[in-house]
Amino acid sequence: MDRLSSLIVLLLLAASTISAQHKQPGNPVIEGWYADPEGVILNKQYWIFPTYSAKYKDQVFLDAFSSKDMVNWKKHARIIDTSIIKWAYMAMWAPAIVQKDQQYYLFFSANDIQSKKRNGKADDHNGGIGIAVASQPEGPYKDHLGKPLINQFYNDAQPIDQYVFHDKDGQYYILYGGWGRCNIARLNSDFTALIPFPNGDTVREITPKGYVEGPTMFIRKGTYYLMWSEGGWTNGSYKVAYARSDNLMGPFEREATILEADSSIATGAGHHSVINIPGTDEWYIVYHRRPIPNLDRDHRVTCIDRMYFNPDGSIQKVKMTFEGVKRELAQ
């Protein structure tokens, strides 16, 4: 190889390296099959905590991803798995994370437990919603309780798809539920138990019409927004709807579908989370969707697009894109 050819090769390698380090925005944002993404801002970085999308027997760990610009993501592999959570043996999914008192609490579902009402057998309590804790977002994590936090079928809701909400008064709540039921409960100060409501109920049901699973909540301009997924998670009917209320407990009256299949982009868009840039009215939706064509139940990818509001506070329909977004955080 002559000197000119060698120089060309070196320049091409350098360009390839630069491109890999500073790739252009685009959806999906992370490589691989991932779903149910929890998007958050921690330590002036974006983080995504998703489900590893695979057969339940293979869903025995969780990965995490961090970024400074929503474009270039660093993978933190197996931040937690069933060797750490001894009572879990499959179907670890839908992580939710919250920072409190210099600790990071990672909530997750495991084992896909079933009720007698659903399967005709005795209620299965060997699983449900658990918590892991670490001193940094990427771990190492340890089991916070050594057992599930919730393993009962309150209001006929499967204990899955949890979201932790920090209210204006400082109280932490957990919203969760599958099988078309949405529950809310109060967490105690060290996240070791649920605090009963004044009437003695451990949880309350706040299910809006059309709800299937995957709740998330945020406050914008003093209004509570409850969002959830509808349709079937195994197919293209999955979608996201929302409701608003002046009260944390509702009532939440379904307003509209804001994210659904687009035959030119993807199908089965749902189980999302929301990121608000601090100090702004700039919002992003972090969600999973099914590429077209889709060849497998578990072929789901994680994406990010902008979410806009109308002057009356209603949410505009989200436009799914291949282009994605780019947004660096102020340091």
C-alpha atoms as a PDB file:
ATOM      1  CA  MET A   1       0.000   0.000   0.000  1.00  0.00           C
ATOM      2  CA  ASP A   2       1.490   3.377  -1.036  1.00  0.00           C
ATOM      3  CA  ARG A   3       1.586   6.450   1.201  1.00  0.00           C
ATOM      4  CA  LEU A   4      -1.462   8.054  -0.417  1.00  0.00           C
ATOM      5  CA  SER A   5      -3.557   4.922   0.040  1.00  0.00           C
ATOM      6  CA  SER A   6      -2.413   4.630   3.649  1.00  0.00           C
ATOM      7  CA  LEU A   7      -3.359   8.259   4.306  1.00  0.00           C
ATOM      8  CA  ILE A   8      -6.815   7.748   2.803  1.00  0.00           C
ATOM      9  CA  VAL A   9      -7.382   4.679   4.984  1.00  0.00           C
ATOM     10  CA  LEU A  10      -6.314   6.599   8.096  1.00  0.00           C
ATOM     11  CA  LEU A  11      -8.615   9.507   7.238  1.00  0.00           C
ATOM     12  CA  LEU A  12     -11.548   7.159   6.690  1.00  0.00           C
ATOM     13  CA  LEU A  13     -10.909   5.434  10.021  1.00  0.00           C
ATOM     14  CA  ALA A  14     -10.705   8.791  11.793  1.00  0.00           C
ATOM     15  CA  ALA A  15     -13.954   9.956  10.180  1.00  0.00           C
ATOM     16  CA  SER A  16     -15.627   6.697  11.179  1.00  0.00           C
ATOM     17  CA  THR A  17     -14.475   7.123  14.792  1.00  0.00           C
ATOM     18  CA  ILE A  18     -15.695  10.723  14.958  1.00  0.00           C
ATOM     19  CA  SER A  19     -19.038   9.697  13.452  1.00  0.00           C
ATOM     20  CA  ALA A  20     -19.433   6.904  16.005  1.00  0.00           C
ATOM     21  CA  GLN A  21     -18.696   9.262  18.870  1.00  0.00           C
ATOM     22  CA  HIS A  22     -20.991  12.048  17.647  1.00  0.00           C
ATOM     23  CA  LYS A  23     -23.796  10.375  15.763  1.00  0.00           C
ATOM     24  CA  GLN A  24     -26.744  12.249  14.353  1.00  0.00           C
ATOM     25  CA  PRO A  25     -30.092  12.217  16.184  1.00  0.00           C
ATOM     26  CA  GLY A  26     -32.336   9.354  15.256  1.00  0.00           C
ATOM     27  CA  ASN A  27     -34.938   6.859  16.491  1.00  0.00           C
ATOM     28  CA  PRO A  28     -34.496   4.343  17.989  1.00  0.00           C
ATOM     29  CA  VAL A  29     -32.083   6.034  20.377  1.00  0.00           C
ATOM     30  CA  ILE A  30     -30.475   2.863  21.743  1.00  0.00           C
ATOM     31  CA  GLU A  31     -29.512  -0.351  19.989  1.00  0.00           C
ATOM     32  CA  GLY A  32     -31.329  -3.556  20.750  1.00  0.00           C
ATOM     33  CA  TRP A  33     -34.804  -4.667  21.754  1.00  0.00           C
ATOM     34  CA  TYR A  34     -35.910  -2.517  24.694  1.00  0.00           C
ATOM     35  CA  ALA A  35     -39.347  -1.451  25.906  1.00  0.00           C
ATOM     36  CA  ASP A  36     -41.227   0.317  28.740  1.00  0.00           C
ATOM     37  CA  PRO A  37     -38.583   3.065  29.020  1.00  0.00           C
ATOM     38  CA  GLU A  38     -38.360   5.220  32.133  1.00  0.00           C
ATOM     39  CA  GLY A  39     -36.754   8.491  31.013  1.00  0.00           C
ATOM     40  CA  VAL A  40     -35.424  10.783  33.751  1.00  0.00           C
ATOM     41  CA  ILE A  41     -32.836  13.461  34.459  1.00  0.00           C
ATOM     42  CA  LEU A  42     -30.312  12.529  37.142  1.00  0.00           C
ATOM     43  CA  ASN A  43     -27.086  14.389  37.956  1.00  0.00           C
ATOM     44  CA  LYS A  44     -27.471  16.663  34.908  1.00  0.00           C
ATOM     45  CA  GLN A  45     -27.671  13.701  32.571  1.00  0.00           C
ATOM     46  CA  TYR A  46     -30.510  11.974  30.766  1.00  0.00           C
ATOM     47  CA  TRP A  47     -31.120   8.392  31.778  1.00  0.00           C
ATOM     48  CA  ILE A  48     -33.245   5.631  30.305  1.00  0.00           C
ATOM     49  CA  PHE A  49     -34.132   2.562  32.351  1.00  0.00           C
ATOM     50  CA  PRO A  50     -35.952   0.141  30.011  1.00  0.00           C
ATOM     51  CA  THR A  51     -37.209  -3.416  29.972  1.00  0.00           C
ATOM     52  CA  TYR A  52     -34.984  -5.857  28.120  1.00  0.00           C
ATOM     53  CA  SER A  53     -37.563  -7.002  25.572  1.00  0.00           C
ATOM     54  CA  ALA A  54     -37.397 -10.785  25.348  1.00  0.00           C
ATOM     55  CA  LYS A  55     -39.232 -13.922  26.431  1.00  0.00           C
ATOM     56  CA  TYR A  56     -40.105 -13.828  30.121  1.00  0.00           C
ATOM     57  CA  LYS A  57     -37.584 -16.545  30.977  1.00  0.00           C
ATOM     58  CA  ASP A  58     -34.846 -14.353  29.483  1.00  0.00           C
ATOM     59  CA  GLN A  59     -35.973 -11.155  31.190  1.00  0.00           C
ATOM     60  CA  VAL A  60     -33.757 -11.678  34.219  1.00  0.00           C
ATOM     61  CA  PHE A  61     -31.804  -8.394  34.229  1.00  0.00           C
ATOM     62  CA  LEU A  62     -32.094  -4.674  33.563  1.00  0.00           C
ATOM     63  CA  ASP A  63     -29.730  -2.395  31.638  1.00  0.00           C
ATOM     64  CA  ALA A  64     -29.557   1.410  31.877  1.00  0.00           C
ATOM     65  CA  PHE A  65     -28.389   4.122  29.474  1.00  0.00           C
ATOM     66  CA  SER A  66     -27.056   7.645  30.112  1.00  0.00           C
ATOM     67  CA  SER A  67     -26.589  10.630  27.799  1.00  0.00           C
ATOM     68  CA  LYS A  68     -25.808  14.334  27.832  1.00  0.00           C
ATOM     69  CA  ASP A  69     -27.679  15.141  24.626  1.00  0.00           C
ATOM     70  CA  MET A  70     -30.374  12.456  24.019  1.00  0.00           C
ATOM     71  CA  VAL A  71     -28.295  11.264  21.048  1.00  0.00           C
ATOM     72  CA  ASN A  72     -25.126   9.570  22.295  1.00  0.00           C
ATOM     73  CA  TRP A  73     -26.017   6.965  24.911  1.00  0.00           C
ATOM     74  CA  LYS A  74     -23.703   5.013  27.192  1.00  0.00           C
ATOM     75  CA  LYS A  75     -24.852   1.533  28.119  1.00  0.00           C
ATOM     76  CA  HIS A  76     -24.627   0.386  31.750  1.00  0.00           C
ATOM     77  CA  ALA A  77     -25.113  -3.359  31.448  1.00  0.00           C
ATOM     78  CA  ARG A  78     -26.945  -5.550  33.961  1.00  0.00           C
ATOM     79  CA  ILE A  79     -27.328  -2.959  36.691  1.00  0.00           C
ATOM     80  CA  ILE A  80     -29.550  -5.485  38.416  1.00  0.00           C
ATOM     81  CA  ASP A  81     -30.449  -9.129  37.860  1.00  0.00           C
ATOM     82  CA  THR A  82     -31.929 -12.171  39.548  1.00  0.00           C
ATOM     83  CA  SER A  83     -28.640 -12.955  41.291  1.00  0.00           C
ATOM     84  CA  ILE A  84     -29.245  -9.764  43.310  1.00  0.00           C
ATOM     85  CA  ILE A  85     -33.027 -10.031  43.641  1.00  0.00           C
ATOM     86  CA  LYS A  86     -33.224 -13.562  45.013  1.00  0.00           C
ATOM     87  CA  TRP A  87     -37.023 -13.801  44.923  1.00  0.00           C
ATOM     88  CA  ALA A  88     -37.188 -12.874  41.219  1.00  0.00           C
ATOM     89  CA  TYR A  89     -36.734 -15.556  38.586  1.00  0.00           C
ATOM     90  CA  MET A  90     -38.208 -14.093  35.370  1.00  0.00           C
ATOM     91  CA  ALA A  91     -40.124 -11.219  33.788  1.00  0.00           C
ATOM     92  CA  MET A  92     -38.228  -8.301  35.301  1.00  0.00           C
ATOM     93  CA  TRP A  93     -39.713  -5.273  33.592  1.00  0.00           C
ATOM     94  CA  ALA A  94     -40.939  -1.660  33.610  1.00  0.00           C
ATOM     95  CA  PRO A  95     -38.325  -0.073  35.890  1.00  0.00           C
ATOM     96  CA  ALA A  96     -39.023   3.253  37.595  1.00  0.00           C
ATOM     97  CA  ILE A  97     -36.382   5.251  39.445  1.00  0.00           C
ATOM     98  CA  VAL A  98     -36.395   8.041  41.998  1.00  0.00           C
ATOM     99  CA  GLN A  99     -33.581   9.875  43.754  1.00  0.00           C
ATOM    100  CA  LYS A 100     -34.089  10.518  47.475  1.00  0.00           C
ATOM    101  CA  ASP A 101     -31.626  11.357  50.269  1.00  0.00           C
ATOM    102  CA  GLN A 102     -28.560  10.747  48.074  1.00  0.00           C
ATOM    103  CA  GLN A 103     -29.843   7.290  47.205  1.00  0.00           C
ATOM    104  CA  TYR A 104     -31.371   5.916  44.012  1.00  0.00           C
ATOM    105  CA  TYR A 105     -34.377   3.650  44.375  1.00  0.00           C
ATOM    106  CA  LEU A 106     -35.124   1.424  41.406  1.00  0.00           C
ATOM    107  CA  PHE A 107     -38.651  -0.006  41.394  1.00  0.00           C
ATOM    108  CA  PHE A 108     -39.384  -2.968  39.112  1.00  0.00           C
ATOM    109  CA  SER A 109     -41.866  -5.763  38.479  1.00  0.00           C
ATOM    110  CA  ALA A 110     -40.937  -9.444  38.509  1.00  0.00           C
ATOM    111  CA  ASN A 111     -42.372 -12.921  37.961  1.00  0.00           C
ATOM    112  CA  ASP A 112     -45.666 -11.897  36.267  1.00  0.00           C
ATOM    113  CA  ILE A 113     -47.733 -13.201  39.178  1.00  0.00           C
ATOM    114  CA  GLN A 114     -51.319 -14.295  38.515  1.00  0.00           C
ATOM    115  CA  SER A 115     -54.492 -14.211  40.594  1.00  0.00           C
ATOM    116  CA  LYS A 116     -57.090 -16.897  41.212  1.00  0.00           C
ATOM    117  CA  LYS A 117     -59.629 -14.722  39.449  1.00  0.00           C
ATOM    118  CA  ARG A 118     -57.468 -14.792  36.314  1.00  0.00           C
ATOM    119  CA  ASN A 119     -56.176 -18.380  36.229  1.00  0.00           C
ATOM    120  CA  GLY A 120     -58.588 -20.333  38.438  1.00  0.00           C
ATOM    121  CA  LYS A 121     -55.806 -21.387  40.794  1.00  0.00           C
ATOM    122  CA  ALA A 122     -54.739 -19.936  44.124  1.00  0.00           C
ATOM    123  CA  ASP A 123     -53.365 -16.382  44.124  1.00  0.00           C
ATOM    124  CA  ASP A 124     -49.633 -16.321  43.411  1.00  0.00           C
ATOM    125  CA  HIS A 125     -47.778 -13.949  45.741  1.00  0.00           C
ATOM    126  CA  ASN A 126     -44.256 -15.010  44.743  1.00  0.00           C
ATOM    127  CA  GLY A 127     -43.409 -11.785  42.940  1.00  0.00           C
ATOM    128  CA  GLY A 128     -44.874  -8.380  42.198  1.00  0.00           C
ATOM    129  CA  ILE A 129     -43.278  -4.958  42.656  1.00  0.00           C
ATOM    130  CA  GLY A 130     -39.836  -4.777  44.258  1.00  0.00           C
ATOM    131  CA  ILE A 131     -37.232  -2.124  45.032  1.00  0.00           C
ATOM    132  CA  ALA A 132     -33.459  -2.008  44.657  1.00  0.00           C
ATOM    133  CA  VAL A 133     -31.228   0.752  46.021  1.00  0.00           C
ATOM    134  CA  ALA A 134     -27.815   2.179  45.103  1.00  0.00           C
ATOM    135  CA  SER A 135     -25.673   5.240  45.744  1.00  0.00           C
ATOM    136  CA  GLN A 136     -25.442   6.083  42.032  1.00  0.00           C
ATOM    137  CA  PRO A 137     -27.834   5.557  39.100  1.00  0.00           C
ATOM    138  CA  GLU A 138     -25.738   2.867  37.428  1.00  0.00           C
ATOM    139  CA  GLY A 139     -25.408   0.876  40.637  1.00  0.00           C
ATOM    140  CA  PRO A 140     -24.264  -1.437  42.050  1.00  0.00           C
ATOM    141  CA  TYR A 141     -27.755  -2.101  43.390  1.00  0.00           C
ATOM    142  CA  LYS A 142     -28.884  -4.247  46.258  1.00  0.00           C
ATOM    143  CA  ASP A 143     -32.324  -5.543  47.217  1.00  0.00           C
ATOM    144  CA  HIS A 144     -33.923  -2.884  49.405  1.00  0.00           C
ATOM    145  CA  LEU A 145     -36.488  -5.144  51.115  1.00  0.00           C
ATOM    146  CA  GLY A 146     -35.505  -8.726  50.368  1.00  0.00           C
ATOM    147  CA  LYS A 147     -39.110  -9.292  49.246  1.00  0.00           C
ATOM    148  CA  PRO A 148     -41.721  -7.560  47.073  1.00  0.00           C
ATOM    149  CA  LEU A 149     -43.186  -4.268  48.235  1.00  0.00           C
ATOM    150  CA  ILE A 150     -46.552  -5.173  46.674  1.00  0.00           C
ATOM    151  CA  ASN A 151     -47.568  -8.752  45.945  1.00  0.00           C
ATOM    152  CA  GLN A 152     -51.334  -8.518  46.499  1.00  0.00           C
ATOM    153  CA  PHE A 153     -54.058  -8.028  43.886  1.00  0.00           C
ATOM    154  CA  TYR A 154     -55.662  -4.885  45.248  1.00  0.00           C
ATOM    155  CA  ASN A 155     -58.773  -3.921  43.275  1.00  0.00           C
ATOM    156  CA  ASP A 156     -58.031  -6.822  40.891  1.00  0.00           C
ATOM    157  CA  ALA A 157     -54.929  -5.026  39.579  1.00  0.00           C
ATOM    158  CA  GLN A 158     -51.846  -7.032  38.721  1.00  0.00           C
ATOM    159  CA  PRO A 159     -48.907  -5.487  40.641  1.00  0.00           C
ATOM    160  CA  ILE A 160     -46.841  -4.365  37.644  1.00  0.00           C
ATOM    161  CA  ASP A 161     -45.914  -1.213  35.681  1.00  0.00           C
ATOM    162  CA  GLN A 162     -45.107   1.012  38.651  1.00  0.00           C
ATOM    163  CA  TYR A 163     -44.377   4.727  38.549  1.00  0.00           C
ATOM    164  CA  VAL A 164     -43.190   6.772  41.550  1.00  0.00           C
ATOM    165  CA  PHE A 165     -44.631  10.269  41.791  1.00  0.00           C
ATOM    166  CA  HIS A 166     -43.289  13.036  44.048  1.00  0.00           C
ATOM    167  CA  ASP A 167     -46.158  15.377  44.909  1.00  0.00           C
ATOM    168  CA  LYS A 168     -45.974  19.100  45.645  1.00  0.00           C
ATOM    169  CA  ASP A 169     -46.208  18.526  49.399  1.00  0.00           C
ATOM    170  CA  GLY A 170     -43.190  16.192  49.394  1.00  0.00           C
ATOM    171  CA  GLN A 171     -45.167  12.948  49.679  1.00  0.00           C
ATOM    172  CA  TYR A 172     -44.132  10.061  47.408  1.00  0.00           C
ATOM    173  CA  TYR A 173     -46.803   7.925  45.765  1.00  0.00           C
ATOM    174  CA  ILE A 174     -46.658   4.762  43.714  1.00  0.00           C
ATOM    175  CA  LEU A 175     -49.008   4.378  40.775  1.00  0.00           C
ATOM    176  CA  TYR A 176     -49.250   0.954  39.195  1.00  0.00           C
ATOM    177  CA  GLY A 177     -51.453  -1.730  37.757  1.00  0.00           C
ATOM    178  CA  GLY A 178     -52.187  -4.105  34.924  1.00  0.00           C
ATOM    179  CA  TRP A 179     -55.346  -5.911  33.826  1.00  0.00           C
ATOM    180  CA  GLY A 180     -57.182  -2.648  33.220  1.00  0.00           C
ATOM    181  CA  ARG A 181     -56.851  -1.328  36.778  1.00  0.00           C
ATOM    182  CA  CYS A 182     -54.830   1.639  38.028  1.00  0.00           C
ATOM    183  CA  ASN A 183     -54.011   1.952  41.733  1.00  0.00           C
ATOM    184  CA  ILE A 184     -52.271   4.611  43.796  1.00  0.00           C
ATOM    185  CA  ALA A 185     -50.688   4.230  47.230  1.00  0.00           C
ATOM    186  CA  ARG A 186     -48.575   6.317  49.593  1.00  0.00           C
ATOM    187  CA  LEU A 187     -44.964   5.339  50.303  1.00  0.00           C
ATOM    188  CA  ASN A 188     -43.394   5.798  53.711  1.00  0.00           C
ATOM    189  CA  SER A 189     -40.280   7.931  54.147  1.00  0.00           C
ATOM    190  CA  ASP A 190     -37.729   5.153  53.593  1.00  0.00           C
ATOM    191  CA  PHE A 191     -39.664   3.251  50.921  1.00  0.00           C
ATOM    192  CA  THR A 192     -40.045   0.145  53.049  1.00  0.00           C
ATOM    193  CA  ALA A 193     -43.843   0.040  53.211  1.00  0.00           C
ATOM    194  CA  LEU A 194     -47.108   1.613  52.099  1.00  0.00           C
ATOM    195  CA  ILE A 195     -48.875   4.116  54.348  1.00  0.00           C
ATOM    196  CA  PRO A 196     -52.648   3.512  54.595  1.00  0.00           C
ATOM    197  CA  PHE A 197     -54.955   6.340  53.651  1.00  0.00           C
ATOM    198  CA  PRO A 198     -57.001   7.979  56.439  1.00  0.00           C
ATOM    199  CA  ASN A 199     -59.933   5.635  55.763  1.00  0.00           C
ATOM    200  CA  GLY A 200     -57.667   2.613  56.267  1.00  0.00           C
ATOM    201  CA  ASP A 201     -57.317   1.596  52.619  1.00  0.00           C
ATOM    202  CA  THR A 202     -53.828   0.471  51.622  1.00  0.00           C
ATOM    203  CA  VAL A 203     -54.392   1.571  48.029  1.00  0.00           C
ATOM    204  CA  ARG A 204     -56.983   3.513  46.073  1.00  0.00           C
ATOM    205  CA  GLU A 205     -58.221   2.863  42.587  1.00  0.00           C
ATOM    206  CA  ILE A 206     -58.112   5.792  40.124  1.00  0.00           C
ATOM    207  CA  THR A 207     -58.717   3.871  36.881  1.00  0.00           C
ATOM    208  CA  PRO A 208     -59.787   6.099  33.964  1.00  0.00           C
ATOM    209  CA  LYS A 209     -61.898   4.816  31.081  1.00  0.00           C
ATOM    210  CA  GLY A 210     -59.823   2.872  28.550  1.00  0.00           C
ATOM    211  CA  TYR A 211     -56.901   2.259  30.911  1.00  0.00           C
ATOM    212  CA  VAL A 212     -54.955  -0.970  30.364  1.00  0.00           C
ATOM    213  CA  GLU A 213     -51.513  -0.505  31.982  1.00  0.00           C
ATOM    214  CA  GLY A 214     -48.349   1.624  32.153  1.00  0.00           C
ATOM    215  CA  PRO A 215     -49.369   4.712  34.176  1.00  0.00           C
ATOM    216  CA  THR A 216     -47.243   7.832  34.509  1.00  0.00           C
ATOM    217  CA  MET A 217     -48.018  11.200  36.073  1.00  0.00           C
ATOM    218  CA  PHE A 218     -46.678  14.756  36.087  1.00  0.00           C
ATOM    219  CA  ILE A 219     -47.743  18.254  37.078  1.00  0.00           C
ATOM    220  CA  ARG A 220     -47.833  21.103  34.586  1.00  0.00           C
ATOM    221  CA  LYS A 221     -49.049  24.579  35.560  1.00  0.00           C
ATOM    222  CA  GLY A 222     -50.744  23.214  38.664  1.00  0.00           C
ATOM    223  CA  THR A 223     -52.656  20.462  36.840  1.00  0.00           C
ATOM    224  CA  TYR A 224     -52.146  16.723  37.331  1.00  0.00           C
ATOM    225  CA  TYR A 225     -51.716  14.765  34.105  1.00  0.00           C
ATOM    226  CA  LEU A 226     -52.288  11.008  34.237  1.00  0.00           C
ATOM    227  CA  MET A 227     -51.140   9.076  31.178  1.00  0.00           C
ATOM    228  CA  TRP A 228     -51.410   5.373  30.397  1.00  0.00           C
ATOM    229  CA  SER A 229     -51.322   2.717  27.667  1.00  0.00           C
ATOM    230  CA  GLU A 230     -54.287   1.101  25.933  1.00  0.00           C
ATOM    231  CA  GLY A 231     -54.672  -1.757  23.463  1.00  0.00           C
ATOM    232  CA  GLY A 232     -52.538  -4.892  23.444  1.00  0.00           C
ATOM    233  CA  TRP A 233     -48.827  -4.723  24.194  1.00  0.00           C
ATOM    234  CA  THR A 234     -48.096  -7.731  21.955  1.00  0.00           C
ATOM    235  CA  ASN A 235     -49.415  -6.103  18.778  1.00  0.00           C
ATOM    236  CA  GLY A 236     -49.819  -2.866  16.829  1.00  0.00           C
ATOM    237  CA  SER A 237     -52.904  -1.670  18.725  1.00  0.00           C
ATOM    238  CA  TYR A 238     -50.864  -0.309  21.649  1.00  0.00           C
ATOM    239  CA  LYS A 239     -51.293   3.451  22.199  1.00  0.00           C
ATOM    240  CA  VAL A 240     -51.127   6.226  24.792  1.00  0.00           C
ATOM    241  CA  ALA A 241     -53.988   8.286  26.219  1.00  0.00           C
ATOM    242  CA  TYR A 242     -54.262  10.885  28.973  1.00  0.00           C
ATOM    243  CA  ALA A 243     -56.517  12.716  31.412  1.00  0.00           C
ATOM    244  CA  ARG A 244     -56.233  15.794  33.623  1.00  0.00           C
ATOM    245  CA  SER A 245     -57.429  16.701  37.102  1.00  0.00           C
ATOM    246  CA  ASP A 246     -56.965  19.374  39.736  1.00  0.00           C
ATOM    247  CA  ASN A 247     -56.649  16.585  42.307  1.00  0.00           C
ATOM    248  CA  LEU A 248     -54.008  13.888  42.632  1.00  0.00           C
ATOM    249  CA  MET A 249     -56.747  11.317  43.202  1.00  0.00           C
ATOM    250  CA  GLY A 250     -58.822  12.473  40.262  1.00  0.00           C
ATOM    251  CA  PRO A 251     -61.380  11.918  38.966  1.00  0.00           C
ATOM    252  CA  PHE A 252     -59.478  11.468  35.705  1.00  0.00           C
ATOM    253  CA  GLU A 253     -61.749  11.679  32.665  1.00  0.00           C
ATOM    254  CA  ARG A 254     -60.137  10.335  29.500  1.00  0.00           C
ATOM    255  CA  GLU A 255     -59.468  13.145  27.022  1.00  0.00           C
ATOM    256  CA  ALA A 256     -57.667  11.776  23.984  1.00  0.00           C
ATOM    257  CA  THR A 257     -55.192   9.391  22.393  1.00  0.00           C
ATOM    258  CA  ILE A 258     -51.897  11.204  21.804  1.00  0.00           C
ATOM    259  CA  LEU A 259     -49.565   8.441  20.555  1.00  0.00           C
ATOM    260  CA  GLU A 260     -50.505   5.535  18.300  1.00  0.00           C
ATOM    261  CA  ALA A 261     -49.480   3.523  15.247  1.00  0.00           C
ATOM    262  CA  ASP A 262     -48.352   5.350  12.112  1.00  0.00           C
ATOM    263  CA  SER A 263     -48.127   3.070   9.078  1.00  0.00           C
ATOM    264  CA  SER A 264     -45.271   5.172   7.670  1.00  0.00           C
ATOM    265  CA  ILE A 265     -43.158   4.959  10.853  1.00  0.00           C
ATOM    266  CA  ALA A 266     -44.024   2.198  13.330  1.00  0.00           C
ATOM    267  CA  THR A 267     -46.846   0.447  15.177  1.00  0.00           C
ATOM    268  CA  GLY A 268     -47.569  -0.480  18.779  1.00  0.00           C
ATOM    269  CA  ALA A 269     -46.346   2.791  20.302  1.00  0.00           C
ATOM    270  CA  GLY A 270     -46.815   2.935  24.063  1.00  0.00           C
ATOM    271  CA  HIS A 271     -45.660   2.365  27.639  1.00  0.00           C
ATOM    272  CA  HIS A 272     -43.935   5.688  27.890  1.00  0.00           C
ATOM    273  CA  SER A 273     -42.501   8.236  30.289  1.00  0.00           C
ATOM    274  CA  VAL A 274     -42.092  12.006  30.091  1.00  0.00           C
ATOM    275  CA  ILE A 275     -39.084  14.299  30.516  1.00  0.00           C
ATOM    276  CA  ASN A 276     -39.443  18.018  31.249  1.00  0.00           C
ATOM    277  CA  ILE A 277     -36.327  20.172  30.856  1.00  0.00           C
ATOM    278  CA  PRO A 278     -35.924  21.945  34.239  1.00  0.00           C
ATOM    279  CA  GLY A 279     -37.003  25.583  34.231  1.00  0.00           C
ATOM    280  CA  THR A 280     -38.720  25.309  30.844  1.00  0.00           C
ATOM    281  CA  ASP A 281     -42.003  24.228  29.277  1.00  0.00           C
ATOM    282  CA  GLU A 282     -40.089  21.872  26.986  1.00  0.00           C
ATOM    283  CA  TRP A 283     -41.312  18.278  27.080  1.00  0.00           C
ATOM    284  CA  TYR A 284     -40.205  14.984  25.578  1.00  0.00           C
ATOM    285  CA  ILE A 285     -41.937  11.620  25.418  1.00  0.00           C
ATOM    286  CA  VAL A 286     -39.803   8.483  25.809  1.00  0.00           C
ATOM    287  CA  TYR A 287     -41.617   5.386  24.518  1.00  0.00           C
ATOM    288  CA  HIS A 288     -41.298   2.101  22.725  1.00  0.00           C
ATOM    289  CA  ARG A 289     -42.673   1.110  19.343  1.00  0.00           C
ATOM    290  CA  ARG A 290     -42.627  -1.757  16.842  1.00  0.00           C
ATOM    291  CA  PRO A 291     -40.594  -1.408  13.641  1.00  0.00           C
ATOM    292  CA  ILE A 292     -42.314  -2.152  10.317  1.00  0.00           C
ATOM    293  CA  PRO A 293     -42.264  -4.995   9.397  1.00  0.00           C
ATOM    294  CA  ASN A 294     -42.403  -6.539  12.852  1.00  0.00           C
ATOM    295  CA  LEU A 295     -41.404 -10.174  13.067  1.00  0.00           C
ATOM    296  CA  ASP A 296     -41.606 -10.971  16.771  1.00  0.00           C
ATOM    297  CA  ARG A 297     -43.693 -10.212  19.836  1.00  0.00           C
ATOM    298  CA  ASP A 298     -40.650  -8.834  21.652  1.00  0.00           C
ATOM    299  CA  HIS A 299     -39.210  -6.724  18.835  1.00  0.00           C
ATOM    300  CA  ARG A 300     -39.681  -3.318  20.438  1.00  0.00           C
ATOM    301  CA  VAL A 301     -37.366  -0.315  20.308  1.00  0.00           C
ATOM    302  CA  THR A 302     -36.975   2.797  22.473  1.00  0.00           C
ATOM    303  CA  CYS A 303     -37.523   6.240  20.939  1.00  0.00           C
ATOM    304  CA  ILE A 304     -37.796   9.904  21.947  1.00  0.00           C
ATOM    305  CA  ASP A 305     -39.879  12.645  20.334  1.00  0.00           C
ATOM    306  CA  ARG A 306     -41.149  16.085  21.326  1.00  0.00           C
ATOM    307  CA  MET A 307     -44.432  16.486  23.177  1.00  0.00           C
ATOM    308  CA  TYR A 308     -46.335  19.766  22.807  1.00  0.00           C
ATOM    309  CA  PHE A 309     -49.273  21.357  24.598  1.00  0.00           C
ATOM    310  CA  ASN A 310     -52.089  23.516  23.282  1.00  0.00           C
ATOM    311  CA  PRO A 311     -52.856  26.902  24.895  1.00  0.00           C
ATOM    312  CA  ASP A 312     -55.698  25.289  26.890  1.00  0.00           C
ATOM    313  CA  GLY A 313     -53.293  22.734  28.384  1.00  0.00           C
ATOM    314  CA  SER A 314     -54.427  19.785  26.295  1.00  0.00           C
ATOM    315  CA  ILE A 315     -51.703  17.600  24.781  1.00  0.00           C
ATOM    316  CA  GLN A 316     -51.158  17.634  21.050  1.00  0.00           C
ATOM    317  CA  LYS A 317     -50.926  14.366  19.198  1.00  0.00           C
ATOM    318  CA  VAL A 318     -47.303  13.212  19.150  1.00  0.00           C
ATOM    319  CA  LYS A 319     -45.673  12.865  15.755  1.00  0.00           C
ATOM    320  CA  MET A 320     -43.430   9.812  15.694  1.00  0.00           C
ATOM    321  CA  THR A 321     -40.224  10.387  13.759  1.00  0.00           C
ATOM    322  CA  PHE A 322     -37.138   8.618  12.514  1.00  0.00           C
ATOM    323  CA  GLU A 323     -35.165  11.842  13.001  1.00  0.00           C
ATOM    324  CA  GLY A 324     -35.545  11.901  16.792  1.00  0.00           C
ATOM    325  CA  VAL A 325     -34.322  14.805  18.910  1.00  0.00           C
ATOM    326  CA  LYS A 326     -31.190  16.406  20.304  1.00  0.00           C
ATOM    327  CA  ARG A 327     -31.101  18.450  23.495  1.00  0.00           C
ATOM    328  CA  GLU A 328     -28.042  19.147  25.630  1.00  0.00           C
ATOM    329  CA  LEU A 329     -28.587  19.940  29.290  1.00  0.00           C
ATOM    330  CA  ALA A 330     -27.209  23.112  30.849  1.00  0.00           C
ATOM    331  CA  GLN A 331     -24.314  22.187  33.124  1.00  0.00           C
END
